[in-house]
């Protein structure tokens, strides 16, 4: 029996041949976009501002600092510790992840001892 791969249709084309694609966003985000479009379209003249135009402009305004903020927001605590381990290894030589965790525990214990002794305020 011959099998053919099934082509997935990811884009639809309107009557002008422009490729359109759906983007999934949270309901609050969609409502924010719709509310802003309502404000933008309260005018006497000209055609309506489309969501695509608003989003296209917004995307061009995202800076590299925004990129870093968005990327950092997706990190778990484990990801942060792994990143710190990699940075530690690049500065101090390679050690295993388990050894790095041991070093962190030693530093935390020393800090706690100093705090309890009152040497650190």
PDB file of N, CA and C in Angstrom:
ATOM      1  N   UNK A   1       0.824  -1.161   0.000  1.00  0.00           N
ATOM      2  CA  UNK A   1       0.000   0.000   0.000  1.00  0.00           C
ATOM      3  C   UNK A   1       0.883   1.244   0.000  1.00  0.00           C
ATOM      4  N   UNK A   2       0.610   2.146  -0.865  1.00  0.00           N
ATOM      5  CA  UNK A   2       1.412   3.358  -1.024  1.00  0.00           C
ATOM      6  C   UNK A   2       0.862   4.455  -0.109  1.00  0.00           C
ATOM      7  N   UNK A   3       1.773   5.097   0.623  1.00  0.00           N
ATOM      8  CA  UNK A   3       1.333   6.198   1.488  1.00  0.00           C
ATOM      9  C   UNK A   3       1.944   7.497   0.983  1.00  0.00           C
ATOM     10  N   UNK A   4       1.156   8.531   1.028  1.00  0.00           N
ATOM     11  CA  UNK A   4       1.621   9.859   0.625  1.00  0.00           C
ATOM     12  C   UNK A   4       1.607  10.761   1.845  1.00  0.00           C
ATOM     13  N   UNK A   5       2.624  11.634   1.959  1.00  0.00           N
ATOM     14  CA  UNK A   5       2.598  12.561   3.078  1.00  0.00           C
ATOM     15  C   UNK A   5       1.431  13.529   2.935  1.00  0.00           C
ATOM     16  N   UNK A   6       0.846  13.845   4.072  1.00  0.00           N
ATOM     17  CA  UNK A   6      -0.267  14.774   4.081  1.00  0.00           C
ATOM     18  C   UNK A   6       0.289  16.185   4.241  1.00  0.00           C
ATOM     19  N   UNK A   7      -0.051  17.038   3.315  1.00  0.00           N
ATOM     20  CA  UNK A   7       0.414  18.423   3.384  1.00  0.00           C
ATOM     21  C   UNK A   7      -0.457  19.184   4.363  1.00  0.00           C
ATOM     22  N   UNK A   8       0.212  19.876   5.283  1.00  0.00           N
ATOM     23  CA  UNK A   8      -0.532  20.682   6.239  1.00  0.00           C
ATOM     24  C   UNK A   8      -0.754  22.061   5.665  1.00  0.00           C
ATOM     25  N   UNK A   9      -1.956  22.539   5.786  1.00  0.00           N
ATOM     26  CA  UNK A   9      -2.283  23.864   5.290  1.00  0.00           C
ATOM     27  C   UNK A   9      -2.109  24.833   6.460  1.00  0.00           C
ATOM     28  N   UNK A  10      -1.051  25.645   6.414  1.00  0.00           N
ATOM     29  CA  UNK A  10      -0.784  26.555   7.514  1.00  0.00           C
ATOM     30  C   UNK A  10      -1.163  27.980   7.180  1.00  0.00           C
ATOM     31  N   UNK A  11      -1.323  28.290   5.942  1.00  0.00           N
ATOM     32  CA  UNK A  11      -1.681  29.647   5.545  1.00  0.00           C
ATOM     33  C   UNK A  11      -2.844  29.600   4.572  1.00  0.00           C
ATOM     34  N   UNK A  12      -3.672  30.588   4.673  1.00  0.00           N
ATOM     35  CA  UNK A  12      -4.743  30.703   3.694  1.00  0.00           C
ATOM     36  C   UNK A  12      -4.474  31.938   2.854  1.00  0.00           C
ATOM     37  N   UNK A  13      -5.050  31.989   1.699  1.00  0.00           N
ATOM     38  CA  UNK A  13      -4.855  33.144   0.844  1.00  0.00           C
ATOM     39  C   UNK A  13      -6.188  33.818   0.608  1.00  0.00           C
ATOM     40  N   UNK A  14      -6.168  35.165   0.707  1.00  0.00           N
ATOM     41  CA  UNK A  14      -7.398  35.890   0.422  1.00  0.00           C
ATOM     42  C   UNK A  14      -7.518  36.083  -1.079  1.00  0.00           C
ATOM     43  N   UNK A  15      -8.524  36.792  -1.492  1.00  0.00           N
ATOM     44  CA  UNK A  15      -8.804  36.949  -2.914  1.00  0.00           C
ATOM     45  C   UNK A  15      -7.692  37.690  -3.655  1.00  0.00           C
ATOM     46  N   UNK A  16      -6.890  38.485  -2.964  1.00  0.00           N
ATOM     47  CA  UNK A  16      -5.792  39.215  -3.609  1.00  0.00           C
ATOM     48  C   UNK A  16      -4.498  38.409  -3.644  1.00  0.00           C
ATOM     49  N   UNK A  17      -4.499  37.239  -3.038  1.00  0.00           N
ATOM     50  CA  UNK A  17      -3.315  36.397  -3.048  1.00  0.00           C
ATOM     51  C   UNK A  17      -2.369  36.684  -1.886  1.00  0.00           C
ATOM     52  N   UNK A  18      -2.781  37.522  -0.933  1.00  0.00           N
ATOM     53  CA  UNK A  18      -1.946  37.813   0.228  1.00  0.00           C
ATOM     54  C   UNK A  18      -2.016  36.664   1.220  1.00  0.00           C
ATOM     55  N   UNK A  19      -0.875  36.249   1.707  1.00  0.00           N
ATOM     56  CA  UNK A  19      -0.848  35.158   2.675  1.00  0.00           C
ATOM     57  C   UNK A  19      -1.199  35.707   4.050  1.00  0.00           C
ATOM     58  N   UNK A  20      -2.150  35.080   4.711  1.00  0.00           N
ATOM     59  CA  UNK A  20      -2.576  35.466   6.055  1.00  0.00           C
ATOM     60  C   UNK A  20      -2.355  34.271   6.963  1.00  0.00           C
ATOM     61  N   UNK A  21      -2.079  34.553   8.249  1.00  0.00           N
ATOM     62  CA  UNK A  21      -1.847  33.471   9.184  1.00  0.00           C
ATOM     63  C   UNK A  21      -2.415  33.863  10.543  1.00  0.00           C
ATOM     64  N   UNK A  22      -3.033  32.929  11.211  1.00  0.00           N
ATOM     65  CA  UNK A  22      -3.577  33.175  12.541  1.00  0.00           C
ATOM     66  C   UNK A  22      -2.458  33.091  13.570  1.00  0.00           C
ATOM     67  N   UNK A  23      -2.546  33.947  14.579  1.00  0.00           N
ATOM     68  CA  UNK A  23      -1.589  33.923  15.680  1.00  0.00           C
ATOM     69  C   UNK A  23      -2.383  33.762  16.967  1.00  0.00           C
ATOM     70  N   UNK A  24      -1.967  32.819  17.808  1.00  0.00           N
ATOM     71  CA  UNK A  24      -2.669  32.579  19.068  1.00  0.00           C
ATOM     72  C   UNK A  24      -2.140  33.527  20.132  1.00  0.00           C
ATOM     73  N   UNK A  25      -3.044  34.247  20.766  1.00  0.00           N
ATOM     74  CA  UNK A  25      -2.691  35.139  21.865  1.00  0.00           C
ATOM     75  C   UNK A  25      -3.713  34.951  22.981  1.00  0.00           C
ATOM     76  N   UNK A  26      -3.356  35.417  24.164  1.00  0.00           N
ATOM     77  CA  UNK A  26      -4.292  35.355  25.281  1.00  0.00           C
ATOM     78  C   UNK A  26      -5.468  36.284  25.012  1.00  0.00           C
ATOM     79  N   UNK A  27      -6.586  35.976  25.651  1.00  0.00           N
ATOM     80  CA  UNK A  27      -7.793  36.788  25.454  1.00  0.00           C
ATOM     81  C   UNK A  27      -7.550  38.236  25.860  1.00  0.00           C
ATOM     82  N   UNK A  28      -6.801  38.445  26.942  1.00  0.00           N
ATOM     83  CA  UNK A  28      -6.517  39.804  27.393  1.00  0.00           C
ATOM     84  C   UNK A  28      -5.719  40.581  26.349  1.00  0.00           C
ATOM     85  N   UNK A  29      -4.772  39.897  25.701  1.00  0.00           N
ATOM     86  CA  UNK A  29      -3.956  40.537  24.676  1.00  0.00           C
ATOM     87  C   UNK A  29      -4.819  40.917  23.485  1.00  0.00           C
ATOM     88  N   UNK A  30      -5.667  39.996  23.059  1.00  0.00           N
ATOM     89  CA  UNK A  30      -6.557  40.275  21.925  1.00  0.00           C
ATOM     90  C   UNK A  30      -7.485  41.437  22.250  1.00  0.00           C
ATOM     91  N   UNK A  31      -7.984  41.475  23.479  1.00  0.00           N
ATOM     92  CA  UNK A  31      -8.869  42.572  23.883  1.00  0.00           C
ATOM     93  C   UNK A  31      -8.112  43.901  23.880  1.00  0.00           C
ATOM     94  N   UNK A  32      -6.859  43.891  24.338  1.00  0.00           N
ATOM     95  CA  UNK A  32      -6.047  45.111  24.337  1.00  0.00           C
ATOM     96  C   UNK A  32      -5.842  45.633  22.918  1.00  0.00           C
ATOM     97  N   UNK A  33      -5.561  44.708  21.999  1.00  0.00           N
ATOM     98  CA  UNK A  33      -5.373  45.099  20.597  1.00  0.00           C
ATOM     99  C   UNK A  33      -6.681  45.658  20.042  1.00  0.00           C
ATOM    100  N   UNK A  34      -7.781  44.990  20.310  1.00  0.00           N
ATOM    101  CA  UNK A  34      -9.079  45.462  19.809  1.00  0.00           C
ATOM    102  C   UNK A  34      -9.446  46.825  20.393  1.00  0.00           C
ATOM    103  N   UNK A  35      -9.191  47.023  21.688  1.00  0.00           N
ATOM    104  CA  UNK A  35      -9.489  48.310  22.313  1.00  0.00           C
ATOM    105  C   UNK A  35      -8.650  49.424  21.705  1.00  0.00           C
ATOM    106  N   UNK A  36      -7.376  49.141  21.479  1.00  0.00           N
ATOM    107  CA  UNK A  36      -6.507  50.151  20.875  1.00  0.00           C
ATOM    108  C   UNK A  36      -6.935  50.458  19.442  1.00  0.00           C
ATOM    109  N   UNK A  37      -7.325  49.433  18.703  1.00  0.00           N
ATOM    110  CA  UNK A  37      -7.812  49.658  17.340  1.00  0.00           C
ATOM    111  C   UNK A  37      -9.077  50.520  17.335  1.00  0.00           C
ATOM    112  N   UNK A  38      -9.957  50.311  18.303  1.00  0.00           N
ATOM    113  CA  UNK A  38     -11.168  51.140  18.385  1.00  0.00           C
ATOM    114  C   UNK A  38     -10.788  52.604  18.583  1.00  0.00           C
ATOM    115  N   UNK A  39      -9.802  52.852  19.467  1.00  0.00           N
ATOM    116  CA  UNK A  39      -9.357  54.229  19.700  1.00  0.00           C
ATOM    117  C   UNK A  39      -8.722  54.816  18.440  1.00  0.00           C
ATOM    118  N   UNK A  40      -7.878  54.021  17.785  1.00  0.00           N
ATOM    119  CA  UNK A  40      -7.193  54.497  16.584  1.00  0.00           C
ATOM    120  C   UNK A  40      -8.168  54.791  15.449  1.00  0.00           C
ATOM    121  N   UNK A  41      -9.246  54.042  15.399  1.00  0.00           N
ATOM    122  CA  UNK A  41     -10.183  54.185  14.296  1.00  0.00           C
ATOM    123  C   UNK A  41     -11.301  55.195  14.563  1.00  0.00           C
ATOM    124  N   UNK A  42     -11.254  55.877  15.703  1.00  0.00           N
ATOM    125  CA  UNK A  42     -12.208  56.957  15.960  1.00  0.00           C
ATOM    126  C   UNK A  42     -11.669  58.213  15.293  1.00  0.00           C
ATOM    127  N   UNK A  43     -11.967  58.346  14.019  1.00  0.00           N
ATOM    128  CA  UNK A  43     -11.503  59.480  13.225  1.00  0.00           C
ATOM    129  C   UNK A  43     -12.539  59.773  12.160  1.00  0.00           C
ATOM    130  N   UNK A  44     -12.446  60.952  11.597  1.00  0.00           N
ATOM    131  CA  UNK A  44     -13.440  61.370  10.604  1.00  0.00           C
ATOM    132  C   UNK A  44     -13.114  60.900   9.194  1.00  0.00           C
ATOM    133  N   UNK A  45     -11.831  60.775   8.872  1.00  0.00           N
ATOM    134  CA  UNK A  45     -11.431  60.484   7.497  1.00  0.00           C
ATOM    135  C   UNK A  45     -10.452  59.315   7.448  1.00  0.00           C
ATOM    136  N   UNK A  46     -10.318  58.748   6.278  1.00  0.00           N
ATOM    137  CA  UNK A  46      -9.342  57.689   6.045  1.00  0.00           C
ATOM    138  C   UNK A  46      -9.898  56.311   6.342  1.00  0.00           C
ATOM    139  N   UNK A  47      -9.174  55.344   5.863  1.00  0.00           N
ATOM    140  CA  UNK A  47      -9.601  53.962   6.085  1.00  0.00           C
ATOM    141  C   UNK A  47      -9.260  53.539   7.504  1.00  0.00           C
ATOM    142  N   UNK A  48      -9.745  52.407   7.891  1.00  0.00           N
ATOM    143  CA  UNK A  48      -9.526  51.890   9.230  1.00  0.00           C
ATOM    144  C   UNK A  48      -8.098  51.341   9.373  1.00  0.00           C
ATOM    145  N   UNK A  49      -7.537  51.513  10.552  1.00  0.00           N
ATOM    146  CA  UNK A  49      -6.241  50.903  10.876  1.00  0.00           C
ATOM    147  C   UNK A  49      -6.498  49.429  11.135  1.00  0.00           C
ATOM    148  N   UNK A  50      -5.700  48.584  10.516  1.00  0.00           N
ATOM    149  CA  UNK A  50      -5.868  47.139  10.668  1.00  0.00           C
ATOM    150  C   UNK A  50      -4.959  46.614  11.777  1.00  0.00           C
ATOM    151  N   UNK A  51      -5.360  45.491  12.343  1.00  0.00           N
ATOM    152  CA  UNK A  51      -4.566  44.864  13.406  1.00  0.00           C
ATOM    153  C   UNK A  51      -3.155  44.562  12.905  1.00  0.00           C
ATOM    154  N   UNK A  52      -3.028  44.116  11.668  1.00  0.00           N
ATOM    155  CA  UNK A  52      -1.724  43.806  11.093  1.00  0.00           C
ATOM    156  C   UNK A  52      -0.817  45.037  11.100  1.00  0.00           C
ATOM    157  N   UNK A  53      -1.365  46.192  10.786  1.00  0.00           N
ATOM    158  CA  UNK A  53      -0.570  47.419  10.764  1.00  0.00           C
ATOM    159  C   UNK A  53      -0.113  47.803  12.174  1.00  0.00           C
ATOM    160  N   UNK A  54      -1.015  47.682  13.136  1.00  0.00           N
ATOM    161  CA  UNK A  54      -0.676  47.984  14.517  1.00  0.00           C
ATOM    162  C   UNK A  54       0.415  47.050  15.032  1.00  0.00           C
ATOM    163  N   UNK A  55       0.249  45.763  14.798  1.00  0.00           N
ATOM    164  CA  UNK A  55       1.216  44.775  15.281  1.00  0.00           C
ATOM    165  C   UNK A  55       2.551  44.927  14.569  1.00  0.00           C
ATOM    166  N   UNK A  56       2.524  45.203  13.266  1.00  0.00           N
ATOM    167  CA  UNK A  56       3.768  45.403  12.519  1.00  0.00           C
ATOM    168  C   UNK A  56       4.565  46.569  13.086  1.00  0.00           C
ATOM    169  N   UNK A  57       3.886  47.659  13.415  1.00  0.00           N
ATOM    170  CA  UNK A  57       4.556  48.807  14.014  1.00  0.00           C
ATOM    171  C   UNK A  57       5.097  48.452  15.388  1.00  0.00           C
ATOM    172  N   UNK A  58       4.286  47.776  16.193  1.00  0.00           N
ATOM    173  CA  UNK A  58       4.711  47.416  17.548  1.00  0.00           C
ATOM    174  C   UNK A  58       5.955  46.535  17.522  1.00  0.00           C
ATOM    175  N   UNK A  59       6.027  45.603  16.596  1.00  0.00           N
ATOM    176  CA  UNK A  59       7.176  44.697  16.503  1.00  0.00           C
ATOM    177  C   UNK A  59       8.448  45.470  16.167  1.00  0.00           C
ATOM    178  N   UNK A  60       8.337  46.496  15.334  1.00  0.00           N
ATOM    179  CA  UNK A  60       9.537  47.273  14.980  1.00  0.00           C
ATOM    180  C   UNK A  60      10.040  48.102  16.155  1.00  0.00           C
ATOM    181  N   UNK A  61       9.202  48.344  17.154  1.00  0.00           N
ATOM    182  CA  UNK A  61       9.594  49.152  18.303  1.00  0.00           C
ATOM    183  C   UNK A  61      10.251  48.343  19.420  1.00  0.00           C
ATOM    184  N   UNK A  62      10.284  47.026  19.287  1.00  0.00           N
ATOM    185  CA  UNK A  62      10.903  46.166  20.290  1.00  0.00           C
ATOM    186  C   UNK A  62      12.421  46.297  20.179  1.00  0.00           C
ATOM    187  N   UNK A  63      13.057  46.633  21.309  1.00  0.00           N
ATOM    188  CA  UNK A  63      14.509  46.832  21.324  1.00  0.00           C
ATOM    189  C   UNK A  63      15.228  45.567  21.784  1.00  0.00           C
ATOM    190  N   UNK A  64      16.546  45.584  21.700  1.00  0.00           N
ATOM    191  CA  UNK A  64      17.328  44.437  22.164  1.00  0.00           C
ATOM    192  C   UNK A  64      17.182  44.257  23.672  1.00  0.00           C
ATOM    193  N   UNK A  65      16.924  45.337  24.402  1.00  0.00           N
ATOM    194  CA  UNK A  65      16.681  45.222  25.840  1.00  0.00           C
ATOM    195  C   UNK A  65      15.361  44.481  26.092  1.00  0.00           C
ATOM    196  N   UNK A  66      14.363  44.748  25.256  1.00  0.00           N
ATOM    197  CA  UNK A  66      13.104  44.011  25.354  1.00  0.00           C
ATOM    198  C   UNK A  66      13.332  42.527  25.064  1.00  0.00           C
ATOM    199  N   UNK A  67      14.195  42.233  24.081  1.00  0.00           N
ATOM    200  CA  UNK A  67      14.504  40.835  23.745  1.00  0.00           C
ATOM    201  C   UNK A  67      15.021  40.128  24.990  1.00  0.00           C
ATOM    202  N   UNK A  68      15.995  40.766  25.667  1.00  0.00           N
ATOM    203  CA  UNK A  68      16.597  40.158  26.857  1.00  0.00           C
ATOM    204  C   UNK A  68      15.554  39.956  27.954  1.00  0.00           C
ATOM    205  N   UNK A  69      14.706  40.956  28.160  1.00  0.00           N
ATOM    206  CA  UNK A  69      13.663  40.856  29.179  1.00  0.00           C
ATOM    207  C   UNK A  69      12.713  39.700  28.884  1.00  0.00           C
ATOM    208  N   UNK A  70      12.281  39.582  27.634  1.00  0.00           N
ATOM    209  CA  UNK A  70      11.370  38.505  27.254  1.00  0.00           C
ATOM    210  C   UNK A  70      12.036  37.142  27.375  1.00  0.00           C
ATOM    211  N   UNK A  71      13.309  37.057  26.964  1.00  0.00           N
ATOM    212  CA  UNK A  71      14.025  35.785  27.066  1.00  0.00           C
ATOM    213  C   UNK A  71      14.224  35.381  28.522  1.00  0.00           C
ATOM    214  N   UNK A  72      14.586  36.345  29.384  1.00  0.00           N
ATOM    215  CA  UNK A  72      14.790  36.037  30.797  1.00  0.00           C
ATOM    216  C   UNK A  72      13.494  35.607  31.474  1.00  0.00           C
ATOM    217  N   UNK A  73      12.377  36.141  31.022  1.00  0.00           N
ATOM    218  CA  UNK A  73      11.085  35.793  31.618  1.00  0.00           C
ATOM    219  C   UNK A  73      10.714  34.332  31.367  1.00  0.00           C
ATOM    220  N   UNK A  74      11.335  33.708  30.379  1.00  0.00           N
ATOM    221  CA  UNK A  74      11.008  32.322  30.057  1.00  0.00           C
ATOM    222  C   UNK A  74      11.897  31.321  30.780  1.00  0.00           C
ATOM    223  N   UNK A  75      12.883  31.804  31.540  1.00  0.00           N
ATOM    224  CA  UNK A  75      13.814  30.904  32.212  1.00  0.00           C
ATOM    225  C   UNK A  75      13.239  30.382  33.525  1.00  0.00           C
ATOM    226  N   UNK A  76      13.446  29.100  33.763  1.00  0.00           N
ATOM    227  CA  UNK A  76      13.094  28.522  35.058  1.00  0.00           C
ATOM    228  C   UNK A  76      14.282  28.731  36.000  1.00  0.00           C
ATOM    229  N   UNK A  77      14.096  28.465  37.283  1.00  0.00           N
ATOM    230  CA  UNK A  77      15.209  28.586  38.230  1.00  0.00           C
ATOM    231  C   UNK A  77      16.330  27.624  37.855  1.00  0.00           C
ATOM    232  N   UNK A  78      15.983  26.449  37.383  1.00  0.00           N
ATOM    233  CA  UNK A  78      16.992  25.482  36.979  1.00  0.00           C
ATOM    234  C   UNK A  78      17.789  26.015  35.788  1.00  0.00           C
ATOM    235  N   UNK A  79      17.114  26.652  34.849  1.00  0.00           N
ATOM    236  CA  UNK A  79      17.812  27.248  33.709  1.00  0.00           C
ATOM    237  C   UNK A  79      18.796  28.319  34.170  1.00  0.00           C
ATOM    238  N   UNK A  80      18.384  29.145  35.145  1.00  0.00           N
ATOM    239  CA  UNK A  80      19.260  30.200  35.663  1.00  0.00           C
ATOM    240  C   UNK A  80      20.498  29.611  36.331  1.00  0.00           C
ATOM    241  N   UNK A  81      20.303  28.544  37.129  1.00  0.00           N
ATOM    242  CA  UNK A  81      21.440  27.905  37.800  1.00  0.00           C
ATOM    243  C   UNK A  81      22.377  27.289  36.773  1.00  0.00           C
ATOM    244  N   UNK A  82      21.834  26.667  35.740  1.00  0.00           N
ATOM    245  CA  UNK A  82      22.682  26.079  34.695  1.00  0.00           C
ATOM    246  C   UNK A  82      23.473  27.166  33.959  1.00  0.00           C
ATOM    247  N   UNK A  83      22.829  28.314  33.710  1.00  0.00           N
ATOM    248  CA  UNK A  83      23.518  29.417  33.044  1.00  0.00           C
ATOM    249  C   UNK A  83      24.650  29.932  33.932  1.00  0.00           C
ATOM    250  N   UNK A  84      24.367  30.090  35.240  1.00  0.00           N
ATOM    251  CA  UNK A  84      25.400  30.547  36.172  1.00  0.00           C
ATOM    252  C   UNK A  84      26.538  29.535  36.261  1.00  0.00           C
ATOM    253  N   UNK A  85      26.214  28.245  36.205  1.00  0.00           N
ATOM    254  CA  UNK A  85      27.249  27.204  36.219  1.00  0.00           C
ATOM    255  C   UNK A  85      28.162  27.343  35.009  1.00  0.00           C
ATOM    256  N   UNK A  86      27.571  27.560  33.848  1.00  0.00           N
ATOM    257  CA  UNK A  86      28.358  27.724  32.628  1.00  0.00           C
ATOM    258  C   UNK A  86      29.280  28.948  32.736  1.00  0.00           C
ATOM    259  N   UNK A  87      28.753  30.069  33.281  1.00  0.00           N
ATOM    260  CA  UNK A  87      29.563  31.275  33.462  1.00  0.00           C
ATOM    261  C   UNK A  87      30.686  31.027  34.459  1.00  0.00           C
ATOM    262  N   UNK A  88      30.379  30.308  35.538  1.00  0.00           N
ATOM    263  CA  UNK A  88      31.391  29.974  36.537  1.00  0.00           C
ATOM    264  C   UNK A  88      32.513  29.150  35.914  1.00  0.00           C
ATOM    265  N   UNK A  89      32.125  28.174  35.100  1.00  0.00           N
ATOM    266  CA  UNK A  89      33.119  27.318  34.450  1.00  0.00           C
ATOM    267  C   UNK A  89      34.001  28.112  33.484  1.00  0.00           C
ATOM    268  N   UNK A  90      33.442  29.068  32.793  1.00  0.00           N
ATOM    269  CA  UNK A  90      34.243  29.850  31.848  1.00  0.00           C
ATOM    270  C   UNK A  90      35.259  30.734  32.577  1.00  0.00           C
ATOM    271  N   UNK A  91      34.939  31.153  33.803  1.00  0.00           N
ATOM    272  CA  UNK A  91      35.854  32.006  34.573  1.00  0.00           C
ATOM    273  C   UNK A  91      36.831  31.208  35.429  1.00  0.00           C
ATOM    274  N   UNK A  92      36.386  30.071  35.978  1.00  0.00           N
ATOM    275  CA  UNK A  92      37.173  29.344  36.979  1.00  0.00           C
ATOM    276  C   UNK A  92      37.600  27.944  36.560  1.00  0.00           C
ATOM    277  N   UNK A  93      37.328  27.554  35.356  1.00  0.00           N
ATOM    278  CA  UNK A  93      37.663  26.209  34.910  1.00  0.00           C
ATOM    279  C   UNK A  93      36.482  25.278  35.072  1.00  0.00           C
ATOM    280  N   UNK A  94      36.521  24.189  34.328  1.00  0.00           N
ATOM    281  CA  UNK A  94      35.386  23.266  34.308  1.00  0.00           C
ATOM    282  C   UNK A  94      35.270  22.470  35.598  1.00  0.00           C
ATOM    283  N   UNK A  95      34.060  22.455  36.142  1.00  0.00           N
ATOM    284  CA  UNK A  95      33.697  21.558  37.233  1.00  0.00           C
ATOM    285  C   UNK A  95      32.309  21.012  36.889  1.00  0.00           C
ATOM    286  N   UNK A  96      31.996  19.886  37.484  1.00  0.00           N
ATOM    287  CA  UNK A  96      30.694  19.283  37.194  1.00  0.00           C
ATOM    288  C   UNK A  96      29.589  20.121  37.833  1.00  0.00           C
ATOM    289  N   UNK A  97      28.385  19.901  37.377  1.00  0.00           N
ATOM    290  CA  UNK A  97      27.237  20.622  37.907  1.00  0.00           C
ATOM    291  C   UNK A  97      27.054  20.308  39.389  1.00  0.00           C
ATOM    292  N   UNK A  98      27.278  19.048  39.772  1.00  0.00           N
ATOM    293  CA  UNK A  98      27.144  18.645  41.170  1.00  0.00           C
ATOM    294  C   UNK A  98      28.180  19.357  42.035  1.00  0.00           C
ATOM    295  N   UNK A  99      29.410  19.486  41.527  1.00  0.00           N
ATOM    296  CA  UNK A  99      30.441  20.214  42.269  1.00  0.00           C
ATOM    297  C   UNK A  99      30.057  21.692  42.414  1.00  0.00           C
ATOM    298  N   UNK A 100      29.471  22.255  41.377  1.00  0.00           N
ATOM    299  CA  UNK A 100      29.048  23.649  41.424  1.00  0.00           C
ATOM    300  C   UNK A 100      27.957  23.839  42.483  1.00  0.00           C
ATOM    301  N   UNK A 101      27.010  22.931  42.549  1.00  0.00           N
ATOM    302  CA  UNK A 101      25.961  23.001  43.567  1.00  0.00           C
ATOM    303  C   UNK A 101      26.591  22.917  44.959  1.00  0.00           C
ATOM    304  N   UNK A 102      27.600  22.061  45.113  1.00  0.00           N
ATOM    305  CA  UNK A 102      28.306  21.959  46.390  1.00  0.00           C
ATOM    306  C   UNK A 102      28.976  23.275  46.758  1.00  0.00           C
ATOM    307  N   UNK A 103      29.594  23.947  45.775  1.00  0.00           N
ATOM    308  CA  UNK A 103      30.226  25.247  46.015  1.00  0.00           C
ATOM    309  C   UNK A 103      29.185  26.277  46.457  1.00  0.00           C
ATOM    310  N   UNK A 104      28.021  26.273  45.809  1.00  0.00           N
ATOM    311  CA  UNK A 104      26.959  27.196  46.197  1.00  0.00           C
ATOM    312  C   UNK A 104      26.501  26.936  47.627  1.00  0.00           C
ATOM    313  N   UNK A 105      26.357  25.672  47.992  1.00  0.00           N
ATOM    314  CA  UNK A 105      25.928  25.330  49.350  1.00  0.00           C
ATOM    315  C   UNK A 105      26.954  25.781  50.371  1.00  0.00           C
ATOM    316  N   UNK A 106      28.253  25.620  50.049  1.00  0.00           N
ATOM    317  CA  UNK A 106      29.303  26.061  50.974  1.00  0.00           C
ATOM    318  C   UNK A 106      29.236  27.571  51.177  1.00  0.00           C
ATOM    319  N   UNK A 107      29.065  28.310  50.088  1.00  0.00           N
ATOM    320  CA  UNK A 107      28.978  29.772  50.182  1.00  0.00           C
ATOM    321  C   UNK A 107      27.746  30.192  50.977  1.00  0.00           C
ATOM    322  N   UNK A 108      26.633  29.518  50.753  1.00  0.00           N
ATOM    323  CA  UNK A 108      25.406  29.842  51.480  1.00  0.00           C
ATOM    324  C   UNK A 108      25.571  29.547  52.964  1.00  0.00           C
ATOM    325  N   UNK A 109      26.226  28.426  53.303  1.00  0.00           N
ATOM    326  CA  UNK A 109      26.433  28.073  54.706  1.00  0.00           C
ATOM    327  C   UNK A 109      27.360  29.088  55.373  1.00  0.00           C
ATOM    328  N   UNK A 110      28.406  29.507  54.673  1.00  0.00           N
ATOM    329  CA  UNK A 110      29.333  30.505  55.225  1.00  0.00           C
ATOM    330  C   UNK A 110      28.611  31.835  55.437  1.00  0.00           C
ATOM    331  N   UNK A 111      27.763  32.218  54.499  1.00  0.00           N
ATOM    332  CA  UNK A 111      27.004  33.460  54.618  1.00  0.00           C
ATOM    333  C   UNK A 111      26.055  33.398  55.808  1.00  0.00           C
ATOM    334  N   UNK A 112      25.369  32.254  55.955  1.00  0.00           N
ATOM    335  CA  UNK A 112      24.451  32.080  57.086  1.00  0.00           C
ATOM    336  C   UNK A 112      25.204  32.168  58.411  1.00  0.00           C
ATOM    337  N   UNK A 113      26.379  31.550  58.488  1.00  0.00           N
ATOM    338  CA  UNK A 113      27.172  31.589  59.716  1.00  0.00           C
ATOM    339  C   UNK A 113      27.585  33.012  60.049  1.00  0.00           C
ATOM    340  N   UNK A 114      27.988  33.782  59.041  1.00  0.00           N
ATOM    341  CA  UNK A 114      28.372  35.173  59.263  1.00  0.00           C
ATOM    342  C   UNK A 114      27.190  36.007  59.692  1.00  0.00           C
ATOM    343  N   UNK A 115      26.048  35.766  59.102  1.00  0.00           N
ATOM    344  CA  UNK A 115      24.833  36.510  59.436  1.00  0.00           C
ATOM    345  C   UNK A 115      24.420  36.236  60.867  1.00  0.00           C
ATOM    346  N   UNK A 116      24.477  34.972  61.286  1.00  0.00           N
ATOM    347  CA  UNK A 116      24.096  34.603  62.640  1.00  0.00           C
ATOM    348  C   UNK A 116      25.090  35.136  63.670  1.00  0.00           C
ATOM    349  N   UNK A 117      26.351  35.230  63.271  1.00  0.00           N
ATOM    350  CA  UNK A 117      27.374  35.744  64.175  1.00  0.00           C
ATOM    351  C   UNK A 117      27.303  37.270  64.263  1.00  0.00           C
ATOM    352  N   UNK A 118      26.553  37.882  63.359  1.00  0.00           N
ATOM    353  CA  UNK A 118      26.389  39.336  63.388  1.00  0.00           C
ATOM    354  C   UNK A 118      27.483  40.102  62.693  1.00  0.00           C
ATOM    355  N   UNK A 119      28.324  39.419  61.906  1.00  0.00           N
ATOM    356  CA  UNK A 119      29.400  40.114  61.202  1.00  0.00           C
ATOM    357  C   UNK A 119      28.933  40.748  59.920  1.00  0.00           C
ATOM    358  N   UNK A 120      27.775  40.345  59.425  1.00  0.00           N
ATOM    359  CA  UNK A 120      27.193  40.949  58.228  1.00  0.00           C
ATOM    360  C   UNK A 120      25.868  41.582  58.624  1.00  0.00           C
ATOM    361  N   UNK A 121      25.682  42.818  58.259  1.00  0.00           N
ATOM    362  CA  UNK A 121      24.425  43.470  58.616  1.00  0.00           C
ATOM    363  C   UNK A 121      23.478  43.483  57.454  1.00  0.00           C
TER     364      UNK A 121
END
